[in-house]
């Protein structure tokens, strides 16, 4: 069964890679108003995935929790009720 909320990540910093603690995520590009369509990305058994819109490479890092990213400001909180990061 899928989780109720998929973590969203934004790349305002223009980082080439974002290390994440999840294998399923949504990329939104940069934060509004500079975001792109929020695309669901699923790494499956792979350890990385490339966003087809902004070319950000997301790399799974098992040392991180689902609430962490590196760079750490890339995780967007409160997306389910509206972006509040």
PDB file of N, CA and C in Angstrom:
ATOM      1  N   UNK A   1       0.837  -1.181   0.000  1.00  0.00           N
ATOM      2  CA  UNK A   1       0.000   0.000   0.000  1.00  0.00           C
ATOM      3  C   UNK A   1       0.884   1.248   0.000  1.00  0.00           C
ATOM      4  N   UNK A   2       0.517   2.198  -0.795  1.00  0.00           N
ATOM      5  CA  UNK A   2       1.317   3.420  -0.917  1.00  0.00           C
ATOM      6  C   UNK A   2       1.143   4.303   0.311  1.00  0.00           C
ATOM      7  N   UNK A   3       2.166   5.090   0.583  1.00  0.00           N
ATOM      8  CA  UNK A   3       2.091   6.048   1.675  1.00  0.00           C
ATOM      9  C   UNK A   3       1.080   7.126   1.330  1.00  0.00           C
ATOM     10  N   UNK A   4       0.569   7.802   2.349  1.00  0.00           N
ATOM     11  CA  UNK A   4      -0.423   8.840   2.105  1.00  0.00           C
ATOM     12  C   UNK A   4       0.201  10.104   1.512  1.00  0.00           C
ATOM     13  N   UNK A   5       1.468  10.349   1.774  1.00  0.00           N
ATOM     14  CA  UNK A   5       2.117  11.554   1.249  1.00  0.00           C
ATOM     15  C   UNK A   5       3.485  11.198   0.687  1.00  0.00           C
ATOM     16  N   UNK A   6       3.741  11.644  -0.520  1.00  0.00           N
ATOM     17  CA  UNK A   6       5.040  11.443  -1.149  1.00  0.00           C
ATOM     18  C   UNK A   6       5.856  12.711  -0.948  1.00  0.00           C
ATOM     19  N   UNK A   7       7.073  12.594  -0.425  1.00  0.00           N
ATOM     20  CA  UNK A   7       7.863  13.804  -0.184  1.00  0.00           C
ATOM     21  C   UNK A   7       8.167  14.560  -1.479  1.00  0.00           C
ATOM     22  N   UNK A   8       8.086  15.874  -1.399  1.00  0.00           N
ATOM     23  CA  UNK A   8       8.397  16.758  -2.522  1.00  0.00           C
ATOM     24  C   UNK A   8       9.778  17.363  -2.302  1.00  0.00           C
ATOM     25  N   UNK A   9      10.495  17.506  -3.390  1.00  0.00           N
ATOM     26  CA  UNK A   9      11.825  18.109  -3.337  1.00  0.00           C
ATOM     27  C   UNK A   9      11.901  19.243  -4.350  1.00  0.00           C
ATOM     28  N   UNK A  10      12.564  20.329  -3.962  1.00  0.00           N
ATOM     29  CA  UNK A  10      12.780  21.481  -4.835  1.00  0.00           C
ATOM     30  C   UNK A  10      14.274  21.731  -4.933  1.00  0.00           C
ATOM     31  N   UNK A  11      14.690  22.188  -6.098  1.00  0.00           N
ATOM     32  CA  UNK A  11      16.113  22.427  -6.327  1.00  0.00           C
ATOM     33  C   UNK A  11      16.369  23.908  -6.591  1.00  0.00           C
ATOM     34  N   UNK A  12      16.030  24.740  -5.621  1.00  0.00           N
ATOM     35  CA  UNK A  12      16.279  26.184  -5.737  1.00  0.00           C
ATOM     36  C   UNK A  12      17.762  26.497  -5.845  1.00  0.00           C
ATOM     37  N   UNK A  13      18.590  25.616  -5.296  1.00  0.00           N
ATOM     38  CA  UNK A  13      20.039  25.842  -5.287  1.00  0.00           C
ATOM     39  C   UNK A  13      20.698  25.527  -6.625  1.00  0.00           C
ATOM     40  N   UNK A  14      19.992  24.824  -7.485  1.00  0.00           N
ATOM     41  CA  UNK A  14      20.578  24.419  -8.753  1.00  0.00           C
ATOM     42  C   UNK A  14      21.608  23.315  -8.600  1.00  0.00           C
ATOM     43  N   UNK A  15      21.439  22.478  -7.571  1.00  0.00           N
ATOM     44  CA  UNK A  15      22.377  21.379  -7.323  1.00  0.00           C
ATOM     45  C   UNK A  15      22.294  20.344  -8.441  1.00  0.00           C
ATOM     46  N   UNK A  16      23.433  19.796  -8.812  1.00  0.00           N
ATOM     47  CA  UNK A  16      23.465  18.757  -9.832  1.00  0.00           C
ATOM     48  C   UNK A  16      22.854  17.464  -9.305  1.00  0.00           C
ATOM     49  N   UNK A  17      23.111  17.156  -8.014  1.00  0.00           N
ATOM     50  CA  UNK A  17      22.600  15.950  -7.364  1.00  0.00           C
ATOM     51  C   UNK A  17      21.948  16.324  -6.046  1.00  0.00           C
ATOM     52  N   UNK A  18      20.864  15.622  -5.738  1.00  0.00           N
ATOM     53  CA  UNK A  18      20.242  15.735  -4.429  1.00  0.00           C
ATOM     54  C   UNK A  18      20.177  14.330  -3.857  1.00  0.00           C
ATOM     55  N   UNK A  19      20.756  14.146  -2.686  1.00  0.00           N
ATOM     56  CA  UNK A  19      20.736  12.858  -2.009  1.00  0.00           C
ATOM     57  C   UNK A  19      19.487  12.808  -1.135  1.00  0.00           C
ATOM     58  N   UNK A  20      18.724  11.725  -1.252  1.00  0.00           N
ATOM     59  CA  UNK A  20      17.451  11.601  -0.551  1.00  0.00           C
ATOM     60  C   UNK A  20      17.378  10.257   0.172  1.00  0.00           C
ATOM     61  N   UNK A  21      16.539  10.192   1.185  1.00  0.00           N
ATOM     62  CA  UNK A  21      16.367   8.973   1.955  1.00  0.00           C
ATOM     63  C   UNK A  21      15.184   8.143   1.506  1.00  0.00           C
ATOM     64  N   UNK A  22      14.593   8.461   0.358  1.00  0.00           N
ATOM     65  CA  UNK A  22      13.434   7.734  -0.175  1.00  0.00           C
ATOM     66  C   UNK A  22      13.703   7.311  -1.613  1.00  0.00           C
ATOM     67  N   UNK A  23      12.931   6.354  -2.085  1.00  0.00           N
ATOM     68  CA  UNK A  23      13.040   5.918  -3.483  1.00  0.00           C
ATOM     69  C   UNK A  23      11.851   6.397  -4.318  1.00  0.00           C
ATOM     70  N   UNK A  24      10.820   6.905  -3.659  1.00  0.00           N
ATOM     71  CA  UNK A  24       9.662   7.487  -4.338  1.00  0.00           C
ATOM     72  C   UNK A  24       9.539   8.926  -3.880  1.00  0.00           C
ATOM     73  N   UNK A  25       9.440   9.848  -4.829  1.00  0.00           N
ATOM     74  CA  UNK A  25       9.417  11.269  -4.494  1.00  0.00           C
ATOM     75  C   UNK A  25       8.740  12.053  -5.594  1.00  0.00           C
ATOM     76  N   UNK A  26       8.513  13.316  -5.323  1.00  0.00           N
ATOM     77  CA  UNK A  26       8.031  14.226  -6.356  1.00  0.00           C
ATOM     78  C   UNK A  26       9.041  15.365  -6.484  1.00  0.00           C
ATOM     79  N   UNK A  27       9.396  15.647  -7.720  1.00  0.00           N
ATOM     80  CA  UNK A  27      10.267  16.781  -8.008  1.00  0.00           C
ATOM     81  C   UNK A  27       9.389  17.916  -8.503  1.00  0.00           C
ATOM     82  N   UNK A  28       9.646  19.105  -7.975  1.00  0.00           N
ATOM     83  CA  UNK A  28       8.887  20.274  -8.398  1.00  0.00           C
ATOM     84  C   UNK A  28       9.785  21.342  -9.029  1.00  0.00           C
ATOM     85  N   UNK A  29      11.032  20.968  -9.322  1.00  0.00           N
ATOM     86  CA  UNK A  29      11.965  21.945  -9.885  1.00  0.00           C
ATOM     87  C   UNK A  29      12.404  22.888  -8.791  1.00  0.00           C
ATOM     88  N   UNK A  30      12.119  24.154  -8.954  1.00  0.00           N
ATOM     89  CA  UNK A  30      12.350  25.153  -7.905  1.00  0.00           C
ATOM     90  C   UNK A  30      11.006  25.428  -7.225  1.00  0.00           C
ATOM     91  N   UNK A  31      11.025  26.170  -6.147  1.00  0.00           N
ATOM     92  CA  UNK A  31       9.778  26.528  -5.479  1.00  0.00           C
ATOM     93  C   UNK A  31       9.012  27.553  -6.326  1.00  0.00           C
ATOM     94  N   UNK A  32       7.705  27.576  -6.133  1.00  0.00           N
ATOM     95  CA  UNK A  32       6.829  28.500  -6.871  1.00  0.00           C
ATOM     96  C   UNK A  32       7.331  29.934  -6.692  1.00  0.00           C
ATOM     97  N   UNK A  33       7.263  30.742  -7.700  1.00  0.00           N
ATOM     98  CA  UNK A  33       6.598  30.551  -8.975  1.00  0.00           C
ATOM     99  C   UNK A  33       7.491  29.968 -10.069  1.00  0.00           C
ATOM    100  N   UNK A  34       8.636  29.433  -9.702  1.00  0.00           N
ATOM    101  CA  UNK A  34       9.587  28.927 -10.697  1.00  0.00           C
ATOM    102  C   UNK A  34       9.550  27.410 -10.817  1.00  0.00           C
ATOM    103  N   UNK A  35       8.501  26.785 -10.294  1.00  0.00           N
ATOM    104  CA  UNK A  35       8.408  25.328 -10.320  1.00  0.00           C
ATOM    105  C   UNK A  35       7.998  24.822 -11.699  1.00  0.00           C
ATOM    106  N   UNK A  36       8.225  23.528 -11.907  1.00  0.00           N
ATOM    107  CA  UNK A  36       7.719  22.853 -13.102  1.00  0.00           C
ATOM    108  C   UNK A  36       6.612  21.912 -12.640  1.00  0.00           C
ATOM    109  N   UNK A  37       5.897  21.248 -13.555  1.00  0.00           N
ATOM    110  CA  UNK A  37       4.882  20.292 -13.095  1.00  0.00           C
ATOM    111  C   UNK A  37       5.494  19.324 -12.088  1.00  0.00           C
ATOM    112  N   UNK A  38       4.794  19.093 -11.000  1.00  0.00           N
ATOM    113  CA  UNK A  38       5.292  18.220  -9.943  1.00  0.00           C
ATOM    114  C   UNK A  38       5.198  16.777 -10.442  1.00  0.00           C
ATOM    115  N   UNK A  39       6.354  16.188 -10.722  1.00  0.00           N
ATOM    116  CA  UNK A  39       6.409  14.877 -11.351  1.00  0.00           C
ATOM    117  C   UNK A  39       6.790  13.820 -10.319  1.00  0.00           C
ATOM    118  N   UNK A  40       6.045  12.706 -10.341  1.00  0.00           N
ATOM    119  CA  UNK A  40       6.320  11.584  -9.451  1.00  0.00           C
ATOM    120  C   UNK A  40       7.461  10.769 -10.033  1.00  0.00           C
ATOM    121  N   UNK A  41       8.467  10.483  -9.214  1.00  0.00           N
ATOM    122  CA  UNK A  41       9.622   9.699  -9.644  1.00  0.00           C
ATOM    123  C   UNK A  41       9.762   8.488  -8.729  1.00  0.00           C
ATOM    124  N   UNK A  42       9.943   7.321  -9.312  1.00  0.00           N
ATOM    125  CA  UNK A  42      10.088   6.072  -8.559  1.00  0.00           C
ATOM    126  C   UNK A  42      11.375   5.398  -9.014  1.00  0.00           C
ATOM    127  N   UNK A  43      12.337   5.274  -8.117  1.00  0.00           N
ATOM    128  CA  UNK A  43      13.619   4.650  -8.447  1.00  0.00           C
ATOM    129  C   UNK A  43      13.510   3.141  -8.603  1.00  0.00           C
ATOM    130  N   UNK A  44      12.475   2.543  -8.019  1.00  0.00           N
ATOM    131  CA  UNK A  44      12.378   1.088  -8.051  1.00  0.00           C
ATOM    132  C   UNK A  44      13.590   0.480  -7.372  1.00  0.00           C
ATOM    133  N   UNK A  45      14.248  -0.470  -8.025  1.00  0.00           N
ATOM    134  CA  UNK A  45      15.431  -1.131  -7.463  1.00  0.00           C
ATOM    135  C   UNK A  45      16.711  -0.335  -7.717  1.00  0.00           C
ATOM    136  N   UNK A  46      16.629   0.724  -8.538  1.00  0.00           N
ATOM    137  CA  UNK A  46      17.805   1.537  -8.832  1.00  0.00           C
ATOM    138  C   UNK A  46      18.137   2.437  -7.643  1.00  0.00           C
ATOM    139  N   UNK A  47      19.303   3.041  -7.692  1.00  0.00           N
ATOM    140  CA  UNK A  47      19.718   3.924  -6.600  1.00  0.00           C
ATOM    141  C   UNK A  47      19.686   5.392  -7.005  1.00  0.00           C
ATOM    142  N   UNK A  48      19.241   5.691  -8.233  1.00  0.00           N
ATOM    143  CA  UNK A  48      19.150   7.085  -8.665  1.00  0.00           C
ATOM    144  C   UNK A  48      18.135   7.228  -9.779  1.00  0.00           C
ATOM    145  N   UNK A  49      17.666   8.467  -9.956  1.00  0.00           N
ATOM    146  CA  UNK A  49      16.713   8.767 -11.026  1.00  0.00           C
ATOM    147  C   UNK A  49      16.881  10.228 -11.428  1.00  0.00           C
ATOM    148  N   UNK A  50      16.685  10.503 -12.698  1.00  0.00           N
ATOM    149  CA  UNK A  50      16.843  11.844 -13.258  1.00  0.00           C
ATOM    150  C   UNK A  50      15.468  12.443 -13.528  1.00  0.00           C
ATOM    151  N   UNK A  51      15.253  13.684 -13.072  1.00  0.00           N
ATOM    152  CA  UNK A  51      13.990  14.363 -13.345  1.00  0.00           C
ATOM    153  C   UNK A  51      13.946  14.735 -14.830  1.00  0.00           C
ATOM    154  N   UNK A  52      12.880  14.345 -15.539  1.00  0.00           N
ATOM    155  CA  UNK A  52      12.806  14.649 -16.966  1.00  0.00           C
ATOM    156  C   UNK A  52      12.567  16.122 -17.272  1.00  0.00           C
ATOM    157  N   UNK A  53      12.152  16.911 -16.286  1.00  0.00           N
ATOM    158  CA  UNK A  53      11.904  18.335 -16.507  1.00  0.00           C
ATOM    159  C   UNK A  53      13.135  19.195 -16.255  1.00  0.00           C
ATOM    160  N   UNK A  54      13.783  19.008 -15.097  1.00  0.00           N
ATOM    161  CA  UNK A  54      14.871  19.916 -14.718  1.00  0.00           C
ATOM    162  C   UNK A  54      16.240  19.252 -14.693  1.00  0.00           C
ATOM    163  N   UNK A  55      16.291  17.955 -14.989  1.00  0.00           N
ATOM    164  CA  UNK A  55      17.536  17.183 -15.049  1.00  0.00           C
ATOM    165  C   UNK A  55      18.267  17.090 -13.714  1.00  0.00           C
ATOM    166  N   UNK A  56      17.559  17.288 -12.609  1.00  0.00           N
ATOM    167  CA  UNK A  56      18.159  17.061 -11.296  1.00  0.00           C
ATOM    168  C   UNK A  56      18.304  15.557 -11.099  1.00  0.00           C
ATOM    169  N   UNK A  57      19.456  15.131 -10.643  1.00  0.00           N
ATOM    170  CA  UNK A  57      19.698  13.717 -10.356  1.00  0.00           C
ATOM    171  C   UNK A  57      19.429  13.481  -8.876  1.00  0.00           C
ATOM    172  N   UNK A  58      18.482  12.599  -8.591  1.00  0.00           N
ATOM    173  CA  UNK A  58      18.165  12.217  -7.215  1.00  0.00           C
ATOM    174  C   UNK A  58      18.860  10.896  -6.935  1.00  0.00           C
ATOM    175  N   UNK A  59      19.620  10.851  -5.852  1.00  0.00           N
ATOM    176  CA  UNK A  59      20.400   9.670  -5.491  1.00  0.00           C
ATOM    177  C   UNK A  59      19.951   9.192  -4.114  1.00  0.00           C
ATOM    178  N   UNK A  60      19.562   7.915  -4.028  1.00  0.00           N
ATOM    179  CA  UNK A  60      19.145   7.358  -2.738  1.00  0.00           C
ATOM    180  C   UNK A  60      20.360   7.169  -1.847  1.00  0.00           C
ATOM    181  N   UNK A  61      20.248   7.673  -0.610  1.00  0.00           N
ATOM    182  CA  UNK A  61      21.291   7.513   0.392  1.00  0.00           C
ATOM    183  C   UNK A  61      20.641   6.860   1.605  1.00  0.00           C
ATOM    184  N   UNK A  62      20.926   5.580   1.857  1.00  0.00           N
ATOM    185  CA  UNK A  62      20.258   4.868   2.957  1.00  0.00           C
ATOM    186  C   UNK A  62      20.573   5.436   4.341  1.00  0.00           C
ATOM    187  N   UNK A  63      21.565   6.291   4.449  1.00  0.00           N
ATOM    188  CA  UNK A  63      21.869   6.914   5.743  1.00  0.00           C
ATOM    189  C   UNK A  63      20.880   8.023   6.085  1.00  0.00           C
ATOM    190  N   UNK A  64      20.136   8.513   5.090  1.00  0.00           N
ATOM    191  CA  UNK A  64      19.166   9.589   5.311  1.00  0.00           C
ATOM    192  C   UNK A  64      17.790   9.007   5.606  1.00  0.00           C
ATOM    193  N   UNK A  65      17.004   9.693   6.416  1.00  0.00           N
ATOM    194  CA  UNK A  65      15.623   9.289   6.668  1.00  0.00           C
ATOM    195  C   UNK A  65      14.742   9.875   5.572  1.00  0.00           C
ATOM    196  N   UNK A  66      13.461   9.495   5.570  1.00  0.00           N
ATOM    197  CA  UNK A  66      12.570  10.023   4.536  1.00  0.00           C
ATOM    198  C   UNK A  66      12.325  11.520   4.711  1.00  0.00           C
ATOM    199  N   UNK A  67      12.670  12.075   5.847  1.00  0.00           N
ATOM    200  CA  UNK A  67      12.513  13.503   6.087  1.00  0.00           C
ATOM    201  C   UNK A  67      13.799  14.296   5.938  1.00  0.00           C
ATOM    202  N   UNK A  68      14.781  13.727   5.218  1.00  0.00           N
ATOM    203  CA  UNK A  68      16.071  14.402   5.052  1.00  0.00           C
ATOM    204  C   UNK A  68      16.495  14.425   3.591  1.00  0.00           C
ATOM    205  N   UNK A  69      17.327  15.401   3.276  1.00  0.00           N
ATOM    206  CA  UNK A  69      17.961  15.484   1.958  1.00  0.00           C
ATOM    207  C   UNK A  69      19.315  16.148   2.135  1.00  0.00           C
ATOM    208  N   UNK A  70      20.153  15.992   1.142  1.00  0.00           N
ATOM    209  CA  UNK A  70      21.459  16.647   1.125  1.00  0.00           C
ATOM    210  C   UNK A  70      21.669  17.189  -0.275  1.00  0.00           C
ATOM    211  N   UNK A  71      21.620  18.500  -0.477  1.00  0.00           N
ATOM    212  CA  UNK A  71      21.524  19.565   0.493  1.00  0.00           C
ATOM    213  C   UNK A  71      20.196  19.522   1.268  1.00  0.00           C
ATOM    214  N   UNK A  72      20.252  19.900   2.531  1.00  0.00           N
ATOM    215  CA  UNK A  72      19.111  19.706   3.405  1.00  0.00           C
ATOM    216  C   UNK A  72      17.941  20.624   3.119  1.00  0.00           C
ATOM    217  N   UNK A  73      18.119  21.741   2.473  1.00  0.00           N
ATOM    218  CA  UNK A  73      17.010  22.648   2.196  1.00  0.00           C
ATOM    219  C   UNK A  73      16.185  22.262   0.976  1.00  0.00           C
ATOM    220  N   UNK A  74      16.451  21.109   0.389  1.00  0.00           N
ATOM    221  CA  UNK A  74      15.728  20.689  -0.811  1.00  0.00           C
ATOM    222  C   UNK A  74      14.397  20.014  -0.501  1.00  0.00           C
ATOM    223  N   UNK A  75      14.226  19.488   0.707  1.00  0.00           N
ATOM    224  CA  UNK A  75      12.970  18.868   1.086  1.00  0.00           C
ATOM    225  C   UNK A  75      11.938  19.951   1.337  1.00  0.00           C
ATOM    226  N   UNK A  76      10.784  19.837   0.699  1.00  0.00           N
ATOM    227  CA  UNK A  76       9.700  20.795   0.863  1.00  0.00           C
ATOM    228  C   UNK A  76       8.696  20.184   1.838  1.00  0.00           C
ATOM    229  N   UNK A  77       8.411  20.866   2.927  1.00  0.00           N
ATOM    230  CA  UNK A  77       7.491  20.320   3.932  1.00  0.00           C
ATOM    231  C   UNK A  77       6.085  20.865   3.738  1.00  0.00           C
ATOM    232  N   UNK A  78       5.108  20.103   4.249  1.00  0.00           N
ATOM    233  CA  UNK A  78       3.725  20.555   4.231  1.00  0.00           C
ATOM    234  C   UNK A  78       3.068  20.569   2.880  1.00  0.00           C
ATOM    235  N   UNK A  79       3.508  19.726   1.951  1.00  0.00           N
ATOM    236  CA  UNK A  79       2.959  19.747   0.597  1.00  0.00           C
ATOM    237  C   UNK A  79       1.522  19.274   0.555  1.00  0.00           C
ATOM    238  N   UNK A  80       1.168  18.294   1.388  1.00  0.00           N
ATOM    239  CA  UNK A  80      -0.184  17.738   1.350  1.00  0.00           C
ATOM    240  C   UNK A  80      -1.236  18.816   1.589  1.00  0.00           C
ATOM    241  N   UNK A  81      -0.954  19.763   2.471  1.00  0.00           N
ATOM    242  CA  UNK A  81      -1.903  20.835   2.740  1.00  0.00           C
ATOM    243  C   UNK A  81      -1.535  22.138   2.043  1.00  0.00           C
ATOM    244  N   UNK A  82      -0.619  22.086   1.121  1.00  0.00           N
ATOM    245  CA  UNK A  82      -0.130  23.287   0.444  1.00  0.00           C
ATOM    246  C   UNK A  82       1.322  23.490   0.791  1.00  0.00           C
ATOM    247  N   UNK A  83       2.099  23.969  -0.137  1.00  0.00           N
ATOM    248  CA  UNK A  83       3.529  24.136   0.079  1.00  0.00           C
ATOM    249  C   UNK A  83       3.756  25.203   1.131  1.00  0.00           C
ATOM    250  N   UNK A  84       4.496  24.823   2.199  1.00  0.00           N
ATOM    251  CA  UNK A  84       4.736  25.764   3.287  1.00  0.00           C
ATOM    252  C   UNK A  84       6.223  25.878   3.611  1.00  0.00           C
ATOM    253  N   UNK A  85       7.067  25.470   2.714  1.00  0.00           N
ATOM    254  CA  UNK A  85       8.504  25.500   3.013  1.00  0.00           C
ATOM    255  C   UNK A  85       9.071  26.886   2.894  1.00  0.00           C
TER     256      UNK A  85
END
